[in-house]
């Protein structure tokens, strides 16, 4: 006599032991996103004063606003925009490493890699991590399932991205 599937202790602790049957859809108690449509896309916050950060804010908000934004998303978008501006300044700003050179000297006069290179790399990595969370590139949209929800195929999304550039 079979007793069925053994209990997985990890799933039991997480409370994820129940699987929906084929065709069964779980309806969330809370909407996935509360649209901020009352006054259109929100403007950049006052503390975001770098022109590159403002441009990134406007682009990201314009992209995400139709998908749905919550008020709590705006702080993450502000951080994303400020990291983009920091990476931009470290690379091509007035004192960026591309203007001052890849190599510099330390206090002893020994050549070292310009510290702005690390600043740019770290800011760019944080920007990319934030942008993946919001599905701002094709690969992250595929992982998040946004292309399937919109009924697009990967080739359609790639074609759209290529047309934009």
N, C-alpha and C. Protein backbone atom coordinates (compact mmCIF):
# COMPACT_ATOMS: atom_id res chain seq x y z
N UNK A 1 0.85 -1.18 0.00
CA UNK A 1 0.00 0.00 0.00
C UNK A 1 0.89 1.24 0.00
N UNK A 2 0.68 2.13 -0.93
CA UNK A 2 1.48 3.35 -1.02
C UNK A 2 0.88 4.44 -0.16
N UNK A 3 1.75 5.22 0.40
CA UNK A 3 1.29 6.27 1.31
C UNK A 3 1.39 7.65 0.69
N UNK A 4 1.84 7.75 -0.52
CA UNK A 4 1.97 9.06 -1.16
C UNK A 4 3.37 9.62 -1.03
N UNK A 5 3.50 10.81 -1.38
CA UNK A 5 4.80 11.48 -1.41
C UNK A 5 5.28 11.80 0.00
N UNK A 6 6.59 11.63 0.23
CA UNK A 6 7.15 11.96 1.53
C UNK A 6 7.12 13.47 1.72
N UNK A 7 6.98 13.88 2.96
CA UNK A 7 6.95 15.30 3.30
C UNK A 7 8.35 15.87 3.20
N UNK A 8 8.47 16.97 2.48
CA UNK A 8 9.75 17.67 2.37
C UNK A 8 9.82 18.66 3.53
N UNK A 9 10.74 18.48 4.50
CA UNK A 9 10.76 19.34 5.68
C UNK A 9 11.02 20.81 5.35
N UNK A 10 11.81 21.06 4.31
CA UNK A 10 12.09 22.45 3.94
C UNK A 10 10.82 23.14 3.45
N UNK A 11 10.09 22.46 2.59
CA UNK A 11 8.85 23.05 2.08
C UNK A 11 7.81 23.19 3.19
N UNK A 12 7.82 22.25 4.13
CA UNK A 12 6.88 22.34 5.25
C UNK A 12 7.17 23.56 6.11
N UNK A 13 8.46 23.85 6.34
CA UNK A 13 8.82 25.03 7.14
C UNK A 13 8.44 26.31 6.42
N UNK A 14 8.64 26.34 5.10
CA UNK A 14 8.31 27.54 4.34
C UNK A 14 6.82 27.70 4.12
N UNK A 15 6.09 26.60 4.24
CA UNK A 15 4.66 26.66 4.00
C UNK A 15 4.34 26.67 2.52
N UNK A 16 5.21 26.08 1.70
CA UNK A 16 4.97 26.07 0.26
C UNK A 16 4.64 24.68 -0.24
N UNK A 17 4.12 23.86 0.61
CA UNK A 17 3.84 22.49 0.22
C UNK A 17 2.67 22.35 -0.73
N UNK A 18 1.73 23.30 -0.74
CA UNK A 18 0.56 23.21 -1.60
C UNK A 18 0.91 23.71 -2.99
N UNK A 19 0.59 22.91 -3.97
CA UNK A 19 0.77 23.35 -5.35
C UNK A 19 -0.60 23.54 -5.98
N UNK A 20 -0.72 24.58 -6.77
CA UNK A 20 -1.99 24.80 -7.46
C UNK A 20 -2.17 23.73 -8.52
N UNK A 21 -3.40 23.28 -8.69
CA UNK A 21 -3.69 22.29 -9.71
C UNK A 21 -3.64 22.96 -11.08
N UNK A 22 -3.51 22.17 -12.10
CA UNK A 22 -3.45 22.70 -13.46
C UNK A 22 -4.71 23.51 -13.75
N UNK A 23 -4.53 24.69 -14.22
CA UNK A 23 -5.67 25.55 -14.54
C UNK A 23 -6.14 26.39 -13.38
N UNK A 24 -5.71 26.08 -12.16
CA UNK A 24 -6.12 26.83 -10.99
C UNK A 24 -5.24 28.07 -10.86
N UNK A 25 -5.85 29.21 -10.67
CA UNK A 25 -5.11 30.46 -10.55
C UNK A 25 -5.34 31.01 -9.16
N UNK A 26 -4.23 31.34 -8.48
CA UNK A 26 -4.35 31.95 -7.16
C UNK A 26 -4.52 33.45 -7.35
N UNK A 27 -5.48 34.03 -6.70
CA UNK A 27 -5.74 35.46 -6.80
C UNK A 27 -5.17 36.12 -5.55
N UNK A 28 -4.34 37.11 -5.76
CA UNK A 28 -3.72 37.81 -4.64
C UNK A 28 -4.74 38.69 -3.95
N UNK A 29 -4.55 38.86 -2.63
CA UNK A 29 -5.44 39.74 -1.87
C UNK A 29 -5.19 41.20 -2.20
N UNK A 30 -3.98 41.50 -2.61
CA UNK A 30 -3.57 42.87 -2.88
C UNK A 30 -3.18 42.97 -4.35
N UNK A 31 -3.52 44.06 -5.02
CA UNK A 31 -3.12 44.18 -6.42
C UNK A 31 -1.60 44.16 -6.55
N UNK A 32 -1.11 43.65 -7.69
CA UNK A 32 0.33 43.55 -7.91
C UNK A 32 0.98 44.92 -7.91
N UNK A 33 0.29 45.92 -8.39
CA UNK A 33 0.86 47.27 -8.39
C UNK A 33 -0.29 48.27 -8.34
N UNK A 34 -0.09 49.29 -7.59
CA UNK A 34 -1.06 50.37 -7.54
C UNK A 34 -0.55 51.43 -8.49
N UNK A 35 -1.29 51.66 -9.53
CA UNK A 35 -0.84 52.62 -10.53
C UNK A 35 -0.88 54.04 -9.98
N UNK A 36 0.17 54.76 -10.25
CA UNK A 36 0.23 56.17 -9.87
C UNK A 36 -0.21 57.00 -11.08
N UNK A 37 -1.47 56.85 -11.48
CA UNK A 37 -1.93 57.49 -12.70
C UNK A 37 -2.67 58.79 -12.47
N UNK A 38 -2.87 59.16 -11.22
CA UNK A 38 -3.69 60.34 -10.97
C UNK A 38 -3.10 61.59 -11.60
N UNK A 39 -1.78 61.74 -11.54
CA UNK A 39 -1.18 62.95 -12.09
C UNK A 39 -0.09 62.63 -13.09
N UNK A 40 -0.10 61.45 -13.66
CA UNK A 40 0.93 61.07 -14.60
C UNK A 40 2.18 60.60 -13.90
N UNK A 41 3.25 60.41 -14.65
CA UNK A 41 4.50 59.95 -14.03
C UNK A 41 5.00 60.95 -13.01
N UNK A 42 5.50 60.48 -11.88
CA UNK A 42 5.96 61.40 -10.84
C UNK A 42 7.23 62.15 -11.28
N UNK A 43 7.36 63.39 -10.88
CA UNK A 43 8.57 64.15 -11.23
C UNK A 43 9.74 63.69 -10.38
N UNK A 44 10.97 64.02 -10.80
CA UNK A 44 12.13 63.64 -9.99
C UNK A 44 12.10 64.32 -8.63
N UNK A 45 12.61 63.66 -7.60
CA UNK A 45 12.65 64.28 -6.27
C UNK A 45 13.60 65.48 -6.27
N UNK A 46 13.41 66.37 -5.31
CA UNK A 46 14.21 67.60 -5.24
C UNK A 46 15.69 67.33 -5.00
N UNK A 47 16.02 66.27 -4.26
CA UNK A 47 17.43 66.01 -3.96
C UNK A 47 18.18 65.37 -5.13
N UNK A 48 17.47 65.04 -6.19
CA UNK A 48 18.10 64.51 -7.40
C UNK A 48 18.40 65.68 -8.32
N UNK A 49 19.63 66.22 -8.20
CA UNK A 49 19.92 67.46 -8.90
C UNK A 49 20.90 67.31 -10.05
N UNK A 50 21.51 66.16 -10.22
CA UNK A 50 22.44 65.95 -11.33
C UNK A 50 21.65 65.77 -12.63
N UNK A 51 22.03 66.44 -13.72
CA UNK A 51 21.27 66.33 -14.97
C UNK A 51 21.19 64.90 -15.49
N UNK A 52 22.26 64.12 -15.34
CA UNK A 52 22.22 62.73 -15.81
C UNK A 52 21.26 61.90 -14.96
N UNK A 53 21.24 62.15 -13.66
CA UNK A 53 20.32 61.44 -12.77
C UNK A 53 18.87 61.76 -13.11
N UNK A 54 18.61 63.03 -13.41
CA UNK A 54 17.24 63.43 -13.77
C UNK A 54 16.83 62.77 -15.09
N UNK A 55 17.75 62.71 -16.05
CA UNK A 55 17.44 62.06 -17.33
C UNK A 55 17.15 60.58 -17.13
N UNK A 56 17.94 59.91 -16.29
CA UNK A 56 17.70 58.49 -16.01
C UNK A 56 16.37 58.32 -15.30
N UNK A 57 16.08 59.16 -14.31
CA UNK A 57 14.80 59.10 -13.59
C UNK A 57 13.64 59.19 -14.58
N UNK A 58 13.67 60.20 -15.44
CA UNK A 58 12.57 60.40 -16.39
C UNK A 58 12.40 59.21 -17.32
N UNK A 59 13.50 58.66 -17.80
CA UNK A 59 13.45 57.51 -18.71
C UNK A 59 12.88 56.27 -18.00
N UNK A 60 13.36 56.01 -16.80
CA UNK A 60 12.92 54.81 -16.06
C UNK A 60 11.45 54.95 -15.66
N UNK A 61 11.07 56.11 -15.16
CA UNK A 61 9.68 56.30 -14.75
C UNK A 61 8.74 56.22 -15.95
N UNK A 62 9.17 56.76 -17.09
CA UNK A 62 8.34 56.68 -18.30
C UNK A 62 8.18 55.23 -18.73
N UNK A 63 9.23 54.42 -18.55
CA UNK A 63 9.15 53.00 -18.91
C UNK A 63 8.29 52.21 -17.93
N UNK A 64 8.42 52.50 -16.63
CA UNK A 64 7.74 51.69 -15.62
C UNK A 64 6.33 52.16 -15.29
N UNK A 65 6.02 53.40 -15.54
CA UNK A 65 4.71 53.94 -15.16
C UNK A 65 3.55 53.15 -15.76
N UNK A 66 3.58 52.80 -17.05
CA UNK A 66 2.46 52.01 -17.59
C UNK A 66 2.36 50.62 -17.00
N UNK A 67 3.48 50.04 -16.56
CA UNK A 67 3.46 48.71 -15.95
C UNK A 67 2.90 48.74 -14.54
N UNK A 68 3.00 49.87 -13.90
CA UNK A 68 2.50 50.00 -12.54
C UNK A 68 3.61 50.28 -11.56
N UNK A 69 3.43 51.33 -10.80
CA UNK A 69 4.41 51.71 -9.78
C UNK A 69 3.70 51.87 -8.45
N UNK A 70 4.41 51.54 -7.41
CA UNK A 70 3.96 51.85 -6.06
C UNK A 70 4.78 53.01 -5.56
N UNK A 71 4.28 53.68 -4.56
CA UNK A 71 5.03 54.78 -3.99
C UNK A 71 6.38 54.35 -3.44
N UNK A 72 6.46 53.13 -2.92
CA UNK A 72 7.72 52.65 -2.35
C UNK A 72 8.76 52.38 -3.43
N UNK A 73 8.34 52.22 -4.67
CA UNK A 73 9.29 52.00 -5.76
C UNK A 73 10.10 53.26 -6.08
N UNK A 74 9.56 54.40 -5.74
CA UNK A 74 10.20 55.65 -6.13
C UNK A 74 11.57 55.84 -5.46
N UNK A 75 11.73 55.36 -4.24
CA UNK A 75 13.03 55.47 -3.58
C UNK A 75 14.07 54.61 -4.27
N UNK A 76 13.69 53.42 -4.68
CA UNK A 76 14.62 52.55 -5.41
C UNK A 76 14.98 53.16 -6.76
N UNK A 77 14.02 53.80 -7.41
CA UNK A 77 14.30 54.46 -8.69
C UNK A 77 15.22 55.66 -8.46
N UNK A 78 15.05 56.36 -7.35
CA UNK A 78 15.95 57.48 -7.03
C UNK A 78 17.38 56.97 -6.83
N UNK A 79 17.52 55.85 -6.12
CA UNK A 79 18.85 55.26 -5.92
C UNK A 79 19.45 54.80 -7.25
N UNK A 80 18.64 54.21 -8.10
CA UNK A 80 19.11 53.78 -9.42
C UNK A 80 19.62 54.98 -10.21
N UNK A 81 18.87 56.06 -10.21
CA UNK A 81 19.27 57.26 -10.96
C UNK A 81 20.53 57.89 -10.38
N UNK A 82 20.65 57.91 -9.05
CA UNK A 82 21.84 58.52 -8.45
C UNK A 82 23.08 57.66 -8.71
N UNK A 83 22.93 56.33 -8.75
CA UNK A 83 24.07 55.47 -9.08
C UNK A 83 24.49 55.65 -10.54
N UNK A 84 23.51 55.86 -11.42
CA UNK A 84 23.85 56.12 -12.82
C UNK A 84 24.62 57.42 -12.95
N UNK A 85 24.22 58.45 -12.20
CA UNK A 85 24.92 59.73 -12.24
C UNK A 85 26.31 59.61 -11.64
N UNK A 86 26.45 58.83 -10.58
CA UNK A 86 27.76 58.64 -9.96
C UNK A 86 28.71 57.92 -10.92
N UNK A 87 28.23 56.88 -11.59
CA UNK A 87 29.06 56.17 -12.57
C UNK A 87 29.44 57.09 -13.71
N UNK A 88 28.49 57.92 -14.14
CA UNK A 88 28.76 58.88 -15.23
C UNK A 88 29.84 59.88 -14.81
N UNK A 89 29.72 60.44 -13.62
CA UNK A 89 30.71 61.42 -13.14
C UNK A 89 32.08 60.79 -12.96
N UNK A 90 32.12 59.56 -12.44
CA UNK A 90 33.41 58.90 -12.25
C UNK A 90 34.10 58.61 -13.58
N UNK A 91 33.30 58.40 -14.62
CA UNK A 91 33.89 58.07 -15.92
C UNK A 91 34.18 59.30 -16.76
N UNK A 92 33.21 60.15 -16.96
CA UNK A 92 33.38 61.25 -17.94
C UNK A 92 33.12 62.62 -17.36
N UNK A 93 32.88 62.73 -16.07
CA UNK A 93 32.62 64.04 -15.47
C UNK A 93 33.86 64.91 -15.49
N UNK A 94 33.77 66.07 -14.89
CA UNK A 94 34.86 67.05 -14.91
C UNK A 94 36.15 66.46 -14.35
N UNK A 95 36.07 65.65 -13.32
CA UNK A 95 37.26 65.01 -12.74
C UNK A 95 37.24 63.50 -12.97
N UNK A 96 36.51 63.03 -13.98
CA UNK A 96 36.40 61.60 -14.23
C UNK A 96 37.71 60.99 -14.66
N UNK A 97 37.81 59.66 -14.51
CA UNK A 97 39.07 58.99 -14.80
C UNK A 97 39.43 59.07 -16.27
N UNK A 98 38.46 59.24 -17.16
CA UNK A 98 38.79 59.36 -18.58
C UNK A 98 39.46 60.69 -18.89
N UNK A 99 39.22 61.68 -18.05
CA UNK A 99 39.89 62.98 -18.24
C UNK A 99 41.23 63.02 -17.50
N UNK A 100 41.26 62.41 -16.32
CA UNK A 100 42.48 62.48 -15.51
C UNK A 100 43.45 61.35 -15.81
N UNK A 101 42.99 60.31 -16.48
CA UNK A 101 43.86 59.20 -16.83
C UNK A 101 43.54 57.96 -16.02
N UNK A 102 43.82 56.82 -16.61
CA UNK A 102 43.56 55.54 -15.97
C UNK A 102 44.49 55.30 -14.79
N UNK A 103 45.71 55.78 -14.90
CA UNK A 103 46.69 55.59 -13.84
C UNK A 103 46.95 56.92 -13.13
N UNK A 104 47.27 56.83 -11.86
CA UNK A 104 47.64 57.99 -11.06
C UNK A 104 48.73 57.55 -10.10
N UNK A 105 49.14 58.42 -9.22
CA UNK A 105 50.18 58.04 -8.25
C UNK A 105 49.64 58.15 -6.84
N UNK A 106 50.17 57.33 -5.96
CA UNK A 106 49.76 57.41 -4.56
C UNK A 106 50.65 58.42 -3.84
N UNK A 107 50.56 58.49 -2.52
CA UNK A 107 51.31 59.47 -1.73
C UNK A 107 52.82 59.26 -1.85
N UNK A 108 53.24 58.02 -2.10
CA UNK A 108 54.67 57.73 -2.23
C UNK A 108 55.17 57.93 -3.66
N UNK A 109 54.28 58.27 -4.57
CA UNK A 109 54.68 58.46 -5.96
C UNK A 109 54.63 57.21 -6.81
N UNK A 110 54.15 56.11 -6.24
CA UNK A 110 54.05 54.86 -6.99
C UNK A 110 52.79 54.89 -7.86
N UNK A 111 52.87 54.36 -9.07
CA UNK A 111 51.68 54.36 -9.94
C UNK A 111 50.62 53.38 -9.44
N UNK A 112 49.38 53.84 -9.45
CA UNK A 112 48.24 53.00 -9.07
C UNK A 112 47.10 53.26 -10.04
N UNK A 113 46.15 52.36 -10.07
CA UNK A 113 44.95 52.56 -10.88
C UNK A 113 44.14 53.67 -10.23
N UNK A 114 43.61 54.55 -11.07
CA UNK A 114 42.82 55.67 -10.58
C UNK A 114 41.64 55.16 -9.73
N UNK A 115 41.45 55.66 -8.51
CA UNK A 115 40.35 55.20 -7.66
C UNK A 115 38.97 55.45 -8.27
N UNK A 116 38.88 56.40 -9.21
CA UNK A 116 37.59 56.66 -9.85
C UNK A 116 37.14 55.47 -10.70
N UNK A 117 38.07 54.63 -11.13
CA UNK A 117 37.70 53.43 -11.89
C UNK A 117 36.87 52.51 -11.00
N UNK A 118 37.28 52.34 -9.74
CA UNK A 118 36.53 51.51 -8.80
C UNK A 118 35.17 52.13 -8.49
N UNK A 119 35.15 53.45 -8.32
CA UNK A 119 33.89 54.14 -8.05
C UNK A 119 32.92 53.90 -9.20
N UNK A 120 33.40 54.05 -10.44
CA UNK A 120 32.53 53.82 -11.60
C UNK A 120 32.04 52.39 -11.64
N UNK A 121 32.94 51.43 -11.42
CA UNK A 121 32.57 50.02 -11.47
C UNK A 121 31.52 49.69 -10.41
N UNK A 122 31.73 50.15 -9.19
CA UNK A 122 30.78 49.86 -8.11
C UNK A 122 29.42 50.50 -8.37
N UNK A 123 29.43 51.75 -8.84
CA UNK A 123 28.16 52.43 -9.13
C UNK A 123 27.45 51.76 -10.29
N UNK A 124 28.19 51.35 -11.31
CA UNK A 124 27.57 50.67 -12.45
C UNK A 124 26.99 49.33 -12.03
N UNK A 125 27.68 48.60 -11.16
CA UNK A 125 27.14 47.32 -10.69
C UNK A 125 25.86 47.51 -9.89
N UNK A 126 25.83 48.53 -9.03
CA UNK A 126 24.59 48.80 -8.29
C UNK A 126 23.47 49.22 -9.22
N UNK A 127 23.78 50.02 -10.21
CA UNK A 127 22.78 50.43 -11.20
C UNK A 127 22.20 49.20 -11.89
N UNK A 128 23.06 48.28 -12.31
CA UNK A 128 22.59 47.09 -13.00
C UNK A 128 21.75 46.20 -12.10
N UNK A 129 22.11 46.11 -10.83
CA UNK A 129 21.31 45.31 -9.90
C UNK A 129 19.92 45.92 -9.72
N UNK A 130 19.85 47.25 -9.59
CA UNK A 130 18.55 47.91 -9.48
C UNK A 130 17.75 47.74 -10.77
N UNK A 131 18.40 47.89 -11.91
CA UNK A 131 17.66 47.80 -13.17
C UNK A 131 17.13 46.39 -13.42
N UNK A 132 17.85 45.37 -12.95
CA UNK A 132 17.33 44.00 -13.06
C UNK A 132 16.07 43.83 -12.24
N UNK A 133 16.03 44.45 -11.06
CA UNK A 133 14.84 44.35 -10.20
C UNK A 133 13.60 44.92 -10.87
N UNK A 134 13.81 45.94 -11.66
CA UNK A 134 12.67 46.59 -12.33
C UNK A 134 12.42 46.05 -13.73
N UNK A 135 13.22 45.10 -14.18
CA UNK A 135 13.01 44.52 -15.51
C UNK A 135 13.30 45.50 -16.62
N UNK A 136 14.41 46.21 -16.52
CA UNK A 136 14.72 47.24 -17.51
C UNK A 136 15.57 46.74 -18.67
N UNK A 137 15.92 45.45 -18.71
CA UNK A 137 16.60 44.89 -19.86
C UNK A 137 15.89 43.61 -20.28
N UNK A 138 16.19 43.12 -21.47
CA UNK A 138 15.46 41.99 -22.03
C UNK A 138 15.61 40.75 -21.16
N UNK A 139 16.81 40.47 -20.71
CA UNK A 139 17.03 39.25 -19.92
C UNK A 139 16.25 39.26 -18.61
N UNK A 140 16.24 40.40 -17.93
CA UNK A 140 15.51 40.45 -16.66
C UNK A 140 14.00 40.44 -16.90
N UNK A 141 13.55 41.01 -18.01
CA UNK A 141 12.11 40.92 -18.32
C UNK A 141 11.71 39.48 -18.57
N UNK A 142 12.59 38.72 -19.21
CA UNK A 142 12.30 37.30 -19.42
C UNK A 142 12.23 36.56 -18.09
N UNK A 143 13.19 36.85 -17.20
CA UNK A 143 13.19 36.19 -15.89
C UNK A 143 11.95 36.56 -15.08
N UNK A 144 11.54 37.81 -15.17
CA UNK A 144 10.38 38.25 -14.41
C UNK A 144 9.06 37.83 -15.06
N UNK A 145 9.13 37.33 -16.28
CA UNK A 145 7.93 36.88 -16.97
C UNK A 145 7.10 38.00 -17.55
N UNK A 146 7.68 39.17 -17.70
CA UNK A 146 6.92 40.30 -18.22
C UNK A 146 6.64 40.16 -19.70
N UNK A 147 7.52 39.50 -20.43
CA UNK A 147 7.29 39.35 -21.86
C UNK A 147 6.14 38.39 -22.12
N UNK A 148 6.02 37.34 -21.30
CA UNK A 148 4.91 36.43 -21.49
C UNK A 148 3.59 37.11 -21.14
N UNK A 149 3.62 37.95 -20.09
CA UNK A 149 2.39 38.65 -19.71
C UNK A 149 1.94 39.61 -20.81
N UNK A 150 2.89 40.23 -21.46
CA UNK A 150 2.56 41.18 -22.52
C UNK A 150 2.31 40.48 -23.84
N UNK A 151 2.54 39.17 -23.91
CA UNK A 151 2.31 38.44 -25.13
C UNK A 151 3.40 38.66 -26.17
N UNK A 152 4.56 39.07 -25.74
CA UNK A 152 5.65 39.31 -26.67
C UNK A 152 6.59 38.12 -26.69
N UNK A 153 7.26 37.94 -27.78
CA UNK A 153 8.30 36.93 -27.85
C UNK A 153 9.65 37.60 -27.66
N UNK A 154 10.66 36.82 -27.45
CA UNK A 154 11.99 37.37 -27.27
C UNK A 154 12.44 38.13 -28.50
N UNK A 155 12.11 37.63 -29.67
CA UNK A 155 12.53 38.32 -30.90
C UNK A 155 11.83 39.67 -31.02
N UNK A 156 10.58 39.76 -30.61
CA UNK A 156 9.89 41.05 -30.64
C UNK A 156 10.55 42.05 -29.71
N UNK A 157 10.91 41.59 -28.50
CA UNK A 157 11.54 42.48 -27.54
C UNK A 157 12.91 42.93 -28.01
N UNK A 158 13.67 42.01 -28.59
CA UNK A 158 14.98 42.39 -29.12
C UNK A 158 14.84 43.40 -30.26
N UNK A 159 13.87 43.17 -31.13
CA UNK A 159 13.65 44.10 -32.25
C UNK A 159 13.28 45.49 -31.73
N UNK A 160 12.45 45.54 -30.68
CA UNK A 160 12.08 46.83 -30.09
C UNK A 160 13.30 47.54 -29.52
N UNK A 161 14.13 46.80 -28.79
CA UNK A 161 15.32 47.40 -28.19
C UNK A 161 16.30 47.88 -29.26
N UNK A 162 16.41 47.14 -30.35
CA UNK A 162 17.31 47.57 -31.42
C UNK A 162 16.78 48.81 -32.14
N UNK A 163 15.46 48.90 -32.28
CA UNK A 163 14.88 50.10 -32.91
C UNK A 163 15.09 51.34 -32.07
N UNK A 164 15.08 51.18 -30.74
CA UNK A 164 15.27 52.33 -29.84
C UNK A 164 16.67 52.90 -29.96
N UNK A 165 17.64 52.02 -30.20
CA UNK A 165 19.04 52.47 -30.25
C UNK A 165 19.39 52.99 -31.58
